[in-house]
Amino acid sequence: MRILKGIEQLAFGSDPAIYLIDNELLIDTGSGLFFQEAKQELEQQLLDVKTIVNTHGHFSHCGANKKFRDWLKAELACHKDDKEAIEGGGSLAVPGSTPKMVTVDRTLKEGSVIRTINFTFEVVHTPGHSPGSICLYDKAKHVLVSGDTLFENGVGRTDLPGGSMPVLLDSLRKLSGYKIAYLLPSHGDVKIGGVEFLVKQMIAHAKEEAYI
């Protein structure tokens, strides 16, 4: 599904969304359970994928890394704090799955830049859901790819290993300083407009959860 010019969203079953940017940047790869379906759909594009970025190290987002990289021959990048989990095939693997080890080619940090033909994404480190959770933000186009940090009507879980509601609250405060016209989360609907107000709502809610 086209979100806006240069951004396609792929969604299969219960897997998180995969985003294809300008046919050259892939954000997350899913669990691998729907790899063939994703490959079939992507093969309809004029692919020149140079980089695969994981928003964090949970299996549902990175379990298919090896399959995608073997196919696309692309560089794999993630935040340094989730690098170990991702190289091990992803944490929190689904029952019956076999995580595939893979080498991360590039470690990201706050302020790292990833460019495509039409977009310039800055890495925003937003821990709380996991230690190495990141968002990707295009300042010129006001696009935020938010992973599991922020959804159209909620925030990512913090009751999993490495999660922390107070830390997530700090990440939301950071995002409150960004002008966001397009919110592209890993789960649920894309949100166009009203994102700054949403972030304020989630901060208020997170404050309540953080200090109960």
Foldseek 3Di string as FASTA:
>chain_A
DDPDPQWDWDDDDPAFIWIGGNLAEIEFDALQPCNVVVVVVSVVDPHQHAEYEYQAFANRRQLCVVVVCVVNVHAYEFAPQRQVSNQQQGPPRDPPDDRDGDHHDYHDDAQDWDDDPPFIWTWQQQAALARGGIWTAGQVVQEIEHEQQDDPQAHHDQPDPRHALVSSLVSLVVVLPGRHQWYHYRDDDIDGPPVNVNSVVHNVVSVVVRPD
